[in-house]
Amino acid sequence: AGATLVSGVLATPDSSGLFHRAIV
């Protein structure tokens, strides 16, 4: 579920600039 949430954060405009790589 945490990985699915990371996928959701990838798609969230408000998260732009708050992280620079992602692992799912």
PDBML (XML) file of the C-alpha atoms, coordinates in Angstrom:
<?xml version="1.0" encoding="UTF-8" ?>
<PDBx:datablock datablockName="MODEL"
   xmlns:PDBx="http://pdbml.pdb.org/schema/pdbx-v50.xsd"
   xmlns:xsi="http://www.w3.org/2001/XMLSchema-instance"
   xsi:schemaLocation="http://pdbml.pdb.org/schema/pdbx-v50.xsd pdbx-v50.xsd">
   <PDBx:atom_siteCategory>
      <PDBx:atom_site id="1">
         <PDBx:B_iso_or_equiv>0.00</PDBx:B_iso_or_equiv>
         <PDBx:Cartn_x>0.000</PDBx:Cartn_x>
         <PDBx:Cartn_y>0.000</PDBx:Cartn_y>
         <PDBx:Cartn_z>0.000</PDBx:Cartn_z>
         <PDBx:auth_asym_id>A</PDBx:auth_asym_id>
         <PDBx:auth_atom_id>CA</PDBx:auth_atom_id>
         <PDBx:auth_comp_id>ALA</PDBx:auth_comp_id>
         <PDBx:auth_seq_id>1</PDBx:auth_seq_id>
         <PDBx:group_PDB>ATOM</PDBx:group_PDB>
         <PDBx:label_alt_id xsi:nil="true" />
         <PDBx:label_asym_id>A</PDBx:label_asym_id>
         <PDBx:label_atom_id>CA</PDBx:label_atom_id>
         <PDBx:label_comp_id>ALA</PDBx:label_comp_id>
         <PDBx:label_entity_id>1</PDBx:label_entity_id>
         <PDBx:label_seq_id>1</PDBx:label_seq_id>
         <PDBx:occupancy>1.00</PDBx:occupancy>
         <PDBx:pdbx_PDB_model_num>1</PDBx:pdbx_PDB_model_num>
         <PDBx:type_symbol>C</PDBx:type_symbol>
      </PDBx:atom_site>
      <PDBx:atom_site id="2">
         <PDBx:B_iso_or_equiv>0.00</PDBx:B_iso_or_equiv>
         <PDBx:Cartn_x>2.919</PDBx:Cartn_x>
         <PDBx:Cartn_y>2.322</PDBx:Cartn_y>
         <PDBx:Cartn_z>0.696</PDBx:Cartn_z>
         <PDBx:auth_asym_id>A</PDBx:auth_asym_id>
         <PDBx:auth_atom_id>CA</PDBx:auth_atom_id>
         <PDBx:auth_comp_id>GLY</PDBx:auth_comp_id>
         <PDBx:auth_seq_id>2</PDBx:auth_seq_id>
         <PDBx:group_PDB>ATOM</PDBx:group_PDB>
         <PDBx:label_alt_id xsi:nil="true" />
         <PDBx:label_asym_id>A</PDBx:label_asym_id>
         <PDBx:label_atom_id>CA</PDBx:label_atom_id>
         <PDBx:label_comp_id>GLY</PDBx:label_comp_id>
         <PDBx:label_entity_id>1</PDBx:label_entity_id>
         <PDBx:label_seq_id>2</PDBx:label_seq_id>
         <PDBx:occupancy>1.00</PDBx:occupancy>
         <PDBx:pdbx_PDB_model_num>1</PDBx:pdbx_PDB_model_num>
         <PDBx:type_symbol>C</PDBx:type_symbol>
      </PDBx:atom_site>
      <PDBx:atom_site id="3">
         <PDBx:B_iso_or_equiv>0.00</PDBx:B_iso_or_equiv>
         <PDBx:Cartn_x>4.202</PDBx:Cartn_x>
         <PDBx:Cartn_y>1.744</PDBx:Cartn_y>
         <PDBx:Cartn_z>-2.838</PDBx:Cartn_z>
         <PDBx:auth_asym_id>A</PDBx:auth_asym_id>
         <PDBx:auth_atom_id>CA</PDBx:auth_atom_id>
         <PDBx:auth_comp_id>ALA</PDBx:auth_comp_id>
         <PDBx:auth_seq_id>3</PDBx:auth_seq_id>
         <PDBx:group_PDB>ATOM</PDBx:group_PDB>
         <PDBx:label_alt_id xsi:nil="true" />
         <PDBx:label_asym_id>A</PDBx:label_asym_id>
         <PDBx:label_atom_id>CA</PDBx:label_atom_id>
         <PDBx:label_comp_id>ALA</PDBx:label_comp_id>
         <PDBx:label_entity_id>1</PDBx:label_entity_id>
         <PDBx:label_seq_id>3</PDBx:label_seq_id>
         <PDBx:occupancy>1.00</PDBx:occupancy>
         <PDBx:pdbx_PDB_model_num>1</PDBx:pdbx_PDB_model_num>
         <PDBx:type_symbol>C</PDBx:type_symbol>
      </PDBx:atom_site>
      <PDBx:atom_site id="4">
         <PDBx:B_iso_or_equiv>0.00</PDBx:B_iso_or_equiv>
         <PDBx:Cartn_x>0.768</PDBx:Cartn_x>
         <PDBx:Cartn_y>2.460</PDBx:Cartn_y>
         <PDBx:Cartn_z>-4.301</PDBx:Cartn_z>
         <PDBx:auth_asym_id>A</PDBx:auth_asym_id>
         <PDBx:auth_atom_id>CA</PDBx:auth_atom_id>
         <PDBx:auth_comp_id>THR</PDBx:auth_comp_id>
         <PDBx:auth_seq_id>4</PDBx:auth_seq_id>
         <PDBx:group_PDB>ATOM</PDBx:group_PDB>
         <PDBx:label_alt_id xsi:nil="true" />
         <PDBx:label_asym_id>A</PDBx:label_asym_id>
         <PDBx:label_atom_id>CA</PDBx:label_atom_id>
         <PDBx:label_comp_id>THR</PDBx:label_comp_id>
         <PDBx:label_entity_id>1</PDBx:label_entity_id>
         <PDBx:label_seq_id>4</PDBx:label_seq_id>
         <PDBx:occupancy>1.00</PDBx:occupancy>
         <PDBx:pdbx_PDB_model_num>1</PDBx:pdbx_PDB_model_num>
         <PDBx:type_symbol>C</PDBx:type_symbol>
      </PDBx:atom_site>
      <PDBx:atom_site id="5">
         <PDBx:B_iso_or_equiv>0.00</PDBx:B_iso_or_equiv>
         <PDBx:Cartn_x>0.781</PDBx:Cartn_x>
         <PDBx:Cartn_y>5.673</PDBx:Cartn_y>
         <PDBx:Cartn_z>-2.280</PDBx:Cartn_z>
         <PDBx:auth_asym_id>A</PDBx:auth_asym_id>
         <PDBx:auth_atom_id>CA</PDBx:auth_atom_id>
         <PDBx:auth_comp_id>LEU</PDBx:auth_comp_id>
         <PDBx:auth_seq_id>5</PDBx:auth_seq_id>
         <PDBx:group_PDB>ATOM</PDBx:group_PDB>
         <PDBx:label_alt_id xsi:nil="true" />
         <PDBx:label_asym_id>A</PDBx:label_asym_id>
         <PDBx:label_atom_id>CA</PDBx:label_atom_id>
         <PDBx:label_comp_id>LEU</PDBx:label_comp_id>
         <PDBx:label_entity_id>1</PDBx:label_entity_id>
         <PDBx:label_seq_id>5</PDBx:label_seq_id>
         <PDBx:occupancy>1.00</PDBx:occupancy>
         <PDBx:pdbx_PDB_model_num>1</PDBx:pdbx_PDB_model_num>
         <PDBx:type_symbol>C</PDBx:type_symbol>
      </PDBx:atom_site>
      <PDBx:atom_site id="6">
         <PDBx:B_iso_or_equiv>0.00</PDBx:B_iso_or_equiv>
         <PDBx:Cartn_x>4.193</PDBx:Cartn_x>
         <PDBx:Cartn_y>6.553</PDBx:Cartn_y>
         <PDBx:Cartn_z>-3.724</PDBx:Cartn_z>
         <PDBx:auth_asym_id>A</PDBx:auth_asym_id>
         <PDBx:auth_atom_id>CA</PDBx:auth_atom_id>
         <PDBx:auth_comp_id>VAL</PDBx:auth_comp_id>
         <PDBx:auth_seq_id>6</PDBx:auth_seq_id>
         <PDBx:group_PDB>ATOM</PDBx:group_PDB>
         <PDBx:label_alt_id xsi:nil="true" />
         <PDBx:label_asym_id>A</PDBx:label_asym_id>
         <PDBx:label_atom_id>CA</PDBx:label_atom_id>
         <PDBx:label_comp_id>VAL</PDBx:label_comp_id>
         <PDBx:label_entity_id>1</PDBx:label_entity_id>
         <PDBx:label_seq_id>6</PDBx:label_seq_id>
         <PDBx:occupancy>1.00</PDBx:occupancy>
         <PDBx:pdbx_PDB_model_num>1</PDBx:pdbx_PDB_model_num>
         <PDBx:type_symbol>C</PDBx:type_symbol>
      </PDBx:atom_site>
      <PDBx:atom_site id="7">
         <PDBx:B_iso_or_equiv>0.00</PDBx:B_iso_or_equiv>
         <PDBx:Cartn_x>2.597</PDBx:Cartn_x>
         <PDBx:Cartn_y>6.100</PDBx:Cartn_y>
         <PDBx:Cartn_z>-7.165</PDBx:Cartn_z>
         <PDBx:auth_asym_id>A</PDBx:auth_asym_id>
         <PDBx:auth_atom_id>CA</PDBx:auth_atom_id>
         <PDBx:auth_comp_id>SER</PDBx:auth_comp_id>
         <PDBx:auth_seq_id>7</PDBx:auth_seq_id>
         <PDBx:group_PDB>ATOM</PDBx:group_PDB>
         <PDBx:label_alt_id xsi:nil="true" />
         <PDBx:label_asym_id>A</PDBx:label_asym_id>
         <PDBx:label_atom_id>CA</PDBx:label_atom_id>
         <PDBx:label_comp_id>SER</PDBx:label_comp_id>
         <PDBx:label_entity_id>1</PDBx:label_entity_id>
         <PDBx:label_seq_id>7</PDBx:label_seq_id>
         <PDBx:occupancy>1.00</PDBx:occupancy>
         <PDBx:pdbx_PDB_model_num>1</PDBx:pdbx_PDB_model_num>
         <PDBx:type_symbol>C</PDBx:type_symbol>
      </PDBx:atom_site>
      <PDBx:atom_site id="8">
         <PDBx:B_iso_or_equiv>0.00</PDBx:B_iso_or_equiv>
         <PDBx:Cartn_x>-0.118</PDBx:Cartn_x>
         <PDBx:Cartn_y>8.502</PDBx:Cartn_y>
         <PDBx:Cartn_z>-6.049</PDBx:Cartn_z>
         <PDBx:auth_asym_id>A</PDBx:auth_asym_id>
         <PDBx:auth_atom_id>CA</PDBx:auth_atom_id>
         <PDBx:auth_comp_id>GLY</PDBx:auth_comp_id>
         <PDBx:auth_seq_id>8</PDBx:auth_seq_id>
         <PDBx:group_PDB>ATOM</PDBx:group_PDB>
         <PDBx:label_alt_id xsi:nil="true" />
         <PDBx:label_asym_id>A</PDBx:label_asym_id>
         <PDBx:label_atom_id>CA</PDBx:label_atom_id>
         <PDBx:label_comp_id>GLY</PDBx:label_comp_id>
         <PDBx:label_entity_id>1</PDBx:label_entity_id>
         <PDBx:label_seq_id>8</PDBx:label_seq_id>
         <PDBx:occupancy>1.00</PDBx:occupancy>
         <PDBx:pdbx_PDB_model_num>1</PDBx:pdbx_PDB_model_num>
         <PDBx:type_symbol>C</PDBx:type_symbol>
      </PDBx:atom_site>
      <PDBx:atom_site id="9">
         <PDBx:B_iso_or_equiv>0.00</PDBx:B_iso_or_equiv>
         <PDBx:Cartn_x>2.441</PDBx:Cartn_x>
         <PDBx:Cartn_y>11.032</PDBx:Cartn_y>
         <PDBx:Cartn_z>-4.844</PDBx:Cartn_z>
         <PDBx:auth_asym_id>A</PDBx:auth_asym_id>
         <PDBx:auth_atom_id>CA</PDBx:auth_atom_id>
         <PDBx:auth_comp_id>VAL</PDBx:auth_comp_id>
         <PDBx:auth_seq_id>9</PDBx:auth_seq_id>
         <PDBx:group_PDB>ATOM</PDBx:group_PDB>
         <PDBx:label_alt_id xsi:nil="true" />
         <PDBx:label_asym_id>A</PDBx:label_asym_id>
         <PDBx:label_atom_id>CA</PDBx:label_atom_id>
         <PDBx:label_comp_id>VAL</PDBx:label_comp_id>
         <PDBx:label_entity_id>1</PDBx:label_entity_id>
         <PDBx:label_seq_id>9</PDBx:label_seq_id>
         <PDBx:occupancy>1.00</PDBx:occupancy>
         <PDBx:pdbx_PDB_model_num>1</PDBx:pdbx_PDB_model_num>
         <PDBx:type_symbol>C</PDBx:type_symbol>
      </PDBx:atom_site>
      <PDBx:atom_site id="10">
         <PDBx:B_iso_or_equiv>0.00</PDBx:B_iso_or_equiv>
         <PDBx:Cartn_x>4.152</PDBx:Cartn_x>
         <PDBx:Cartn_y>10.825</PDBx:Cartn_y>
         <PDBx:Cartn_z>-8.242</PDBx:Cartn_z>
         <PDBx:auth_asym_id>A</PDBx:auth_asym_id>
         <PDBx:auth_atom_id>CA</PDBx:auth_atom_id>
         <PDBx:auth_comp_id>LEU</PDBx:auth_comp_id>
         <PDBx:auth_seq_id>10</PDBx:auth_seq_id>
         <PDBx:group_PDB>ATOM</PDBx:group_PDB>
         <PDBx:label_alt_id xsi:nil="true" />
         <PDBx:label_asym_id>A</PDBx:label_asym_id>
         <PDBx:label_atom_id>CA</PDBx:label_atom_id>
         <PDBx:label_comp_id>LEU</PDBx:label_comp_id>
         <PDBx:label_entity_id>1</PDBx:label_entity_id>
         <PDBx:label_seq_id>10</PDBx:label_seq_id>
         <PDBx:occupancy>1.00</PDBx:occupancy>
         <PDBx:pdbx_PDB_model_num>1</PDBx:pdbx_PDB_model_num>
         <PDBx:type_symbol>C</PDBx:type_symbol>
      </PDBx:atom_site>
      <PDBx:atom_site id="11">
         <PDBx:B_iso_or_equiv>0.00</PDBx:B_iso_or_equiv>
         <PDBx:Cartn_x>0.846</PDBx:Cartn_x>
         <PDBx:Cartn_y>11.953</PDBx:Cartn_y>
         <PDBx:Cartn_z>-9.762</PDBx:Cartn_z>
         <PDBx:auth_asym_id>A</PDBx:auth_asym_id>
         <PDBx:auth_atom_id>CA</PDBx:auth_atom_id>
         <PDBx:auth_comp_id>ALA</PDBx:auth_comp_id>
         <PDBx:auth_seq_id>11</PDBx:auth_seq_id>
         <PDBx:group_PDB>ATOM</PDBx:group_PDB>
         <PDBx:label_alt_id xsi:nil="true" />
         <PDBx:label_asym_id>A</PDBx:label_asym_id>
         <PDBx:label_atom_id>CA</PDBx:label_atom_id>
         <PDBx:label_comp_id>ALA</PDBx:label_comp_id>
         <PDBx:label_entity_id>1</PDBx:label_entity_id>
         <PDBx:label_seq_id>11</PDBx:label_seq_id>
         <PDBx:occupancy>1.00</PDBx:occupancy>
         <PDBx:pdbx_PDB_model_num>1</PDBx:pdbx_PDB_model_num>
         <PDBx:type_symbol>C</PDBx:type_symbol>
      </PDBx:atom_site>
      <PDBx:atom_site id="12">
         <PDBx:B_iso_or_equiv>0.00</PDBx:B_iso_or_equiv>
         <PDBx:Cartn_x>0.231</PDBx:Cartn_x>
         <PDBx:Cartn_y>14.727</PDBx:Cartn_y>
         <PDBx:Cartn_z>-7.208</PDBx:Cartn_z>
         <PDBx:auth_asym_id>A</PDBx:auth_asym_id>
         <PDBx:auth_atom_id>CA</PDBx:auth_atom_id>
         <PDBx:auth_comp_id>THR</PDBx:auth_comp_id>
         <PDBx:auth_seq_id>12</PDBx:auth_seq_id>
         <PDBx:group_PDB>ATOM</PDBx:group_PDB>
         <PDBx:label_alt_id xsi:nil="true" />
         <PDBx:label_asym_id>A</PDBx:label_asym_id>
         <PDBx:label_atom_id>CA</PDBx:label_atom_id>
         <PDBx:label_comp_id>THR</PDBx:label_comp_id>
         <PDBx:label_entity_id>1</PDBx:label_entity_id>
         <PDBx:label_seq_id>12</PDBx:label_seq_id>
         <PDBx:occupancy>1.00</PDBx:occupancy>
         <PDBx:pdbx_PDB_model_num>1</PDBx:pdbx_PDB_model_num>
         <PDBx:type_symbol>C</PDBx:type_symbol>
      </PDBx:atom_site>
      <PDBx:atom_site id="13">
         <PDBx:B_iso_or_equiv>0.00</PDBx:B_iso_or_equiv>
         <PDBx:Cartn_x>1.179</PDBx:Cartn_x>
         <PDBx:Cartn_y>18.225</PDBx:Cartn_y>
         <PDBx:Cartn_z>-8.439</PDBx:Cartn_z>
         <PDBx:auth_asym_id>A</PDBx:auth_asym_id>
         <PDBx:auth_atom_id>CA</PDBx:auth_atom_id>
         <PDBx:auth_comp_id>PRO</PDBx:auth_comp_id>
         <PDBx:auth_seq_id>13</PDBx:auth_seq_id>
         <PDBx:group_PDB>ATOM</PDBx:group_PDB>
         <PDBx:label_alt_id xsi:nil="true" />
         <PDBx:label_asym_id>A</PDBx:label_asym_id>
         <PDBx:label_atom_id>CA</PDBx:label_atom_id>
         <PDBx:label_comp_id>PRO</PDBx:label_comp_id>
         <PDBx:label_entity_id>1</PDBx:label_entity_id>
         <PDBx:label_seq_id>13</PDBx:label_seq_id>
         <PDBx:occupancy>1.00</PDBx:occupancy>
         <PDBx:pdbx_PDB_model_num>1</PDBx:pdbx_PDB_model_num>
         <PDBx:type_symbol>C</PDBx:type_symbol>
      </PDBx:atom_site>
      <PDBx:atom_site id="14">
         <PDBx:B_iso_or_equiv>0.00</PDBx:B_iso_or_equiv>
         <PDBx:Cartn_x>1.579</PDBx:Cartn_x>
         <PDBx:Cartn_y>19.547</PDBx:Cartn_y>
         <PDBx:Cartn_z>-4.860</PDBx:Cartn_z>
         <PDBx:auth_asym_id>A</PDBx:auth_asym_id>
         <PDBx:auth_atom_id>CA</PDBx:auth_atom_id>
         <PDBx:auth_comp_id>ASP</PDBx:auth_comp_id>
         <PDBx:auth_seq_id>14</PDBx:auth_seq_id>
         <PDBx:group_PDB>ATOM</PDBx:group_PDB>
         <PDBx:label_alt_id xsi:nil="true" />
         <PDBx:label_asym_id>A</PDBx:label_asym_id>
         <PDBx:label_atom_id>CA</PDBx:label_atom_id>
         <PDBx:label_comp_id>ASP</PDBx:label_comp_id>
         <PDBx:label_entity_id>1</PDBx:label_entity_id>
         <PDBx:label_seq_id>14</PDBx:label_seq_id>
         <PDBx:occupancy>1.00</PDBx:occupancy>
         <PDBx:pdbx_PDB_model_num>1</PDBx:pdbx_PDB_model_num>
         <PDBx:type_symbol>C</PDBx:type_symbol>
      </PDBx:atom_site>
      <PDBx:atom_site id="15">
         <PDBx:B_iso_or_equiv>0.00</PDBx:B_iso_or_equiv>
         <PDBx:Cartn_x>4.480</PDBx:Cartn_x>
         <PDBx:Cartn_y>17.144</PDBx:Cartn_y>
         <PDBx:Cartn_z>-4.305</PDBx:Cartn_z>
         <PDBx:auth_asym_id>A</PDBx:auth_asym_id>
         <PDBx:auth_atom_id>CA</PDBx:auth_atom_id>
         <PDBx:auth_comp_id>SER</PDBx:auth_comp_id>
         <PDBx:auth_seq_id>15</PDBx:auth_seq_id>
         <PDBx:group_PDB>ATOM</PDBx:group_PDB>
         <PDBx:label_alt_id xsi:nil="true" />
         <PDBx:label_asym_id>A</PDBx:label_asym_id>
         <PDBx:label_atom_id>CA</PDBx:label_atom_id>
         <PDBx:label_comp_id>SER</PDBx:label_comp_id>
         <PDBx:label_entity_id>1</PDBx:label_entity_id>
         <PDBx:label_seq_id>15</PDBx:label_seq_id>
         <PDBx:occupancy>1.00</PDBx:occupancy>
         <PDBx:pdbx_PDB_model_num>1</PDBx:pdbx_PDB_model_num>
         <PDBx:type_symbol>C</PDBx:type_symbol>
      </PDBx:atom_site>
      <PDBx:atom_site id="16">
         <PDBx:B_iso_or_equiv>0.00</PDBx:B_iso_or_equiv>
         <PDBx:Cartn_x>6.622</PDBx:Cartn_x>
         <PDBx:Cartn_y>18.596</PDBx:Cartn_y>
         <PDBx:Cartn_z>-7.088</PDBx:Cartn_z>
         <PDBx:auth_asym_id>A</PDBx:auth_asym_id>
         <PDBx:auth_atom_id>CA</PDBx:auth_atom_id>
         <PDBx:auth_comp_id>SER</PDBx:auth_comp_id>
         <PDBx:auth_seq_id>16</PDBx:auth_seq_id>
         <PDBx:group_PDB>ATOM</PDBx:group_PDB>
         <PDBx:label_alt_id xsi:nil="true" />
         <PDBx:label_asym_id>A</PDBx:label_asym_id>
         <PDBx:label_atom_id>CA</PDBx:label_atom_id>
         <PDBx:label_comp_id>SER</PDBx:label_comp_id>
         <PDBx:label_entity_id>1</PDBx:label_entity_id>
         <PDBx:label_seq_id>16</PDBx:label_seq_id>
         <PDBx:occupancy>1.00</PDBx:occupancy>
         <PDBx:pdbx_PDB_model_num>1</PDBx:pdbx_PDB_model_num>
         <PDBx:type_symbol>C</PDBx:type_symbol>
      </PDBx:atom_site>
      <PDBx:atom_site id="17">
         <PDBx:B_iso_or_equiv>0.00</PDBx:B_iso_or_equiv>
         <PDBx:Cartn_x>10.084</PDBx:Cartn_x>
         <PDBx:Cartn_y>19.514</PDBx:Cartn_y>
         <PDBx:Cartn_z>-5.847</PDBx:Cartn_z>
         <PDBx:auth_asym_id>A</PDBx:auth_asym_id>
         <PDBx:auth_atom_id>CA</PDBx:auth_atom_id>
         <PDBx:auth_comp_id>GLY</PDBx:auth_comp_id>
         <PDBx:auth_seq_id>17</PDBx:auth_seq_id>
         <PDBx:group_PDB>ATOM</PDBx:group_PDB>
         <PDBx:label_alt_id xsi:nil="true" />
         <PDBx:label_asym_id>A</PDBx:label_asym_id>
         <PDBx:label_atom_id>CA</PDBx:label_atom_id>
         <PDBx:label_comp_id>GLY</PDBx:label_comp_id>
         <PDBx:label_entity_id>1</PDBx:label_entity_id>
         <PDBx:label_seq_id>17</PDBx:label_seq_id>
         <PDBx:occupancy>1.00</PDBx:occupancy>
         <PDBx:pdbx_PDB_model_num>1</PDBx:pdbx_PDB_model_num>
         <PDBx:type_symbol>C</PDBx:type_symbol>
      </PDBx:atom_site>
      <PDBx:atom_site id="18">
         <PDBx:B_iso_or_equiv>0.00</PDBx:B_iso_or_equiv>
         <PDBx:Cartn_x>9.668</PDBx:Cartn_x>
         <PDBx:Cartn_y>17.720</PDBx:Cartn_y>
         <PDBx:Cartn_z>-2.512</PDBx:Cartn_z>
         <PDBx:auth_asym_id>A</PDBx:auth_asym_id>
         <PDBx:auth_atom_id>CA</PDBx:auth_atom_id>
         <PDBx:auth_comp_id>LEU</PDBx:auth_comp_id>
         <PDBx:auth_seq_id>18</PDBx:auth_seq_id>
         <PDBx:group_PDB>ATOM</PDBx:group_PDB>
         <PDBx:label_alt_id xsi:nil="true" />
         <PDBx:label_asym_id>A</PDBx:label_asym_id>
         <PDBx:label_atom_id>CA</PDBx:label_atom_id>
         <PDBx:label_comp_id>LEU</PDBx:label_comp_id>
         <PDBx:label_entity_id>1</PDBx:label_entity_id>
         <PDBx:label_seq_id>18</PDBx:label_seq_id>
         <PDBx:occupancy>1.00</PDBx:occupancy>
         <PDBx:pdbx_PDB_model_num>1</PDBx:pdbx_PDB_model_num>
         <PDBx:type_symbol>C</PDBx:type_symbol>
      </PDBx:atom_site>
      <PDBx:atom_site id="19">
         <PDBx:B_iso_or_equiv>0.00</PDBx:B_iso_or_equiv>
         <PDBx:Cartn_x>11.383</PDBx:Cartn_x>
         <PDBx:Cartn_y>14.520</PDBx:Cartn_y>
         <PDBx:Cartn_z>-3.707</PDBx:Cartn_z>
         <PDBx:auth_asym_id>A</PDBx:auth_asym_id>
         <PDBx:auth_atom_id>CA</PDBx:auth_atom_id>
         <PDBx:auth_comp_id>PHE</PDBx:auth_comp_id>
         <PDBx:auth_seq_id>19</PDBx:auth_seq_id>
         <PDBx:group_PDB>ATOM</PDBx:group_PDB>
         <PDBx:label_alt_id xsi:nil="true" />
         <PDBx:label_asym_id>A</PDBx:label_asym_id>
         <PDBx:label_atom_id>CA</PDBx:label_atom_id>
         <PDBx:label_comp_id>PHE</PDBx:label_comp_id>
         <PDBx:label_entity_id>1</PDBx:label_entity_id>
         <PDBx:label_seq_id>19</PDBx:label_seq_id>
         <PDBx:occupancy>1.00</PDBx:occupancy>
         <PDBx:pdbx_PDB_model_num>1</PDBx:pdbx_PDB_model_num>
         <PDBx:type_symbol>C</PDBx:type_symbol>
      </PDBx:atom_site>
      <PDBx:atom_site id="20">
         <PDBx:B_iso_or_equiv>0.00</PDBx:B_iso_or_equiv>
         <PDBx:Cartn_x>13.818</PDBx:Cartn_x>
         <PDBx:Cartn_y>13.731</PDBx:Cartn_y>
         <PDBx:Cartn_z>-6.495</PDBx:Cartn_z>
         <PDBx:auth_asym_id>A</PDBx:auth_asym_id>
         <PDBx:auth_atom_id>CA</PDBx:auth_atom_id>
         <PDBx:auth_comp_id>HIS</PDBx:auth_comp_id>
         <PDBx:auth_seq_id>20</PDBx:auth_seq_id>
         <PDBx:group_PDB>ATOM</PDBx:group_PDB>
         <PDBx:label_alt_id xsi:nil="true" />
         <PDBx:label_asym_id>A</PDBx:label_asym_id>
         <PDBx:label_atom_id>CA</PDBx:label_atom_id>
         <PDBx:label_comp_id>HIS</PDBx:label_comp_id>
         <PDBx:label_entity_id>1</PDBx:label_entity_id>
         <PDBx:label_seq_id>20</PDBx:label_seq_id>
         <PDBx:occupancy>1.00</PDBx:occupancy>
         <PDBx:pdbx_PDB_model_num>1</PDBx:pdbx_PDB_model_num>
         <PDBx:type_symbol>C</PDBx:type_symbol>
      </PDBx:atom_site>
      <PDBx:atom_site id="21">
         <PDBx:B_iso_or_equiv>0.00</PDBx:B_iso_or_equiv>
         <PDBx:Cartn_x>13.666</PDBx:Cartn_x>
         <PDBx:Cartn_y>9.942</PDBx:Cartn_y>
         <PDBx:Cartn_z>-6.960</PDBx:Cartn_z>
         <PDBx:auth_asym_id>A</PDBx:auth_asym_id>
         <PDBx:auth_atom_id>CA</PDBx:auth_atom_id>
         <PDBx:auth_comp_id>ARG</PDBx:auth_comp_id>
         <PDBx:auth_seq_id>21</PDBx:auth_seq_id>
         <PDBx:group_PDB>ATOM</PDBx:group_PDB>
         <PDBx:label_alt_id xsi:nil="true" />
         <PDBx:label_asym_id>A</PDBx:label_asym_id>
         <PDBx:label_atom_id>CA</PDBx:label_atom_id>
         <PDBx:label_comp_id>ARG</PDBx:label_comp_id>
         <PDBx:label_entity_id>1</PDBx:label_entity_id>
         <PDBx:label_seq_id>21</PDBx:label_seq_id>
         <PDBx:occupancy>1.00</PDBx:occupancy>
         <PDBx:pdbx_PDB_model_num>1</PDBx:pdbx_PDB_model_num>
         <PDBx:type_symbol>C</PDBx:type_symbol>
      </PDBx:atom_site>
      <PDBx:atom_site id="22">
         <PDBx:B_iso_or_equiv>0.00</PDBx:B_iso_or_equiv>
         <PDBx:Cartn_x>11.071</PDBx:Cartn_x>
         <PDBx:Cartn_y>7.278</PDBx:Cartn_y>
         <PDBx:Cartn_z>-6.215</PDBx:Cartn_z>
         <PDBx:auth_asym_id>A</PDBx:auth_asym_id>
         <PDBx:auth_atom_id>CA</PDBx:auth_atom_id>
         <PDBx:auth_comp_id>ALA</PDBx:auth_comp_id>
         <PDBx:auth_seq_id>22</PDBx:auth_seq_id>
         <PDBx:group_PDB>ATOM</PDBx:group_PDB>
         <PDBx:label_alt_id xsi:nil="true" />
         <PDBx:label_asym_id>A</PDBx:label_asym_id>
         <PDBx:label_atom_id>CA</PDBx:label_atom_id>
         <PDBx:label_comp_id>ALA</PDBx:label_comp_id>
         <PDBx:label_entity_id>1</PDBx:label_entity_id>
         <PDBx:label_seq_id>22</PDBx:label_seq_id>
         <PDBx:occupancy>1.00</PDBx:occupancy>
         <PDBx:pdbx_PDB_model_num>1</PDBx:pdbx_PDB_model_num>
         <PDBx:type_symbol>C</PDBx:type_symbol>
      </PDBx:atom_site>
      <PDBx:atom_site id="23">
         <PDBx:B_iso_or_equiv>0.00</PDBx:B_iso_or_equiv>
         <PDBx:Cartn_x>11.040</PDBx:Cartn_x>
         <PDBx:Cartn_y>3.543</PDBx:Cartn_y>
         <PDBx:Cartn_z>-5.484</PDBx:Cartn_z>
         <PDBx:auth_asym_id>A</PDBx:auth_asym_id>
         <PDBx:auth_atom_id>CA</PDBx:auth_atom_id>
         <PDBx:auth_comp_id>ILE</PDBx:auth_comp_id>
         <PDBx:auth_seq_id>23</PDBx:auth_seq_id>
         <PDBx:group_PDB>ATOM</PDBx:group_PDB>
         <PDBx:label_alt_id xsi:nil="true" />
         <PDBx:label_asym_id>A</PDBx:label_asym_id>
         <PDBx:label_atom_id>CA</PDBx:label_atom_id>
         <PDBx:label_comp_id>ILE</PDBx:label_comp_id>
         <PDBx:label_entity_id>1</PDBx:label_entity_id>
         <PDBx:label_seq_id>23</PDBx:label_seq_id>
         <PDBx:occupancy>1.00</PDBx:occupancy>
         <PDBx:pdbx_PDB_model_num>1</PDBx:pdbx_PDB_model_num>
         <PDBx:type_symbol>C</PDBx:type_symbol>
      </PDBx:atom_site>
      <PDBx:atom_site id="24">
         <PDBx:B_iso_or_equiv>0.00</PDBx:B_iso_or_equiv>
         <PDBx:Cartn_x>7.860</PDBx:Cartn_x>
         <PDBx:Cartn_y>1.466</PDBx:Cartn_y>
         <PDBx:Cartn_z>-5.830</PDBx:Cartn_z>
         <PDBx:auth_asym_id>A</PDBx:auth_asym_id>
         <PDBx:auth_atom_id>CA</PDBx:auth_atom_id>
         <PDBx:auth_comp_id>VAL</PDBx:auth_comp_id>
         <PDBx:auth_seq_id>24</PDBx:auth_seq_id>
         <PDBx:group_PDB>ATOM</PDBx:group_PDB>
         <PDBx:label_alt_id xsi:nil="true" />
         <PDBx:label_asym_id>A</PDBx:label_asym_id>
         <PDBx:label_atom_id>CA</PDBx:label_atom_id>
         <PDBx:label_comp_id>VAL</PDBx:label_comp_id>
         <PDBx:label_entity_id>1</PDBx:label_entity_id>
         <PDBx:label_seq_id>24</PDBx:label_seq_id>
         <PDBx:occupancy>1.00</PDBx:occupancy>
         <PDBx:pdbx_PDB_model_num>1</PDBx:pdbx_PDB_model_num>
         <PDBx:type_symbol>C</PDBx:type_symbol>
      </PDBx:atom_site>
   </PDBx:atom_siteCategory>
</PDBx:datablock>
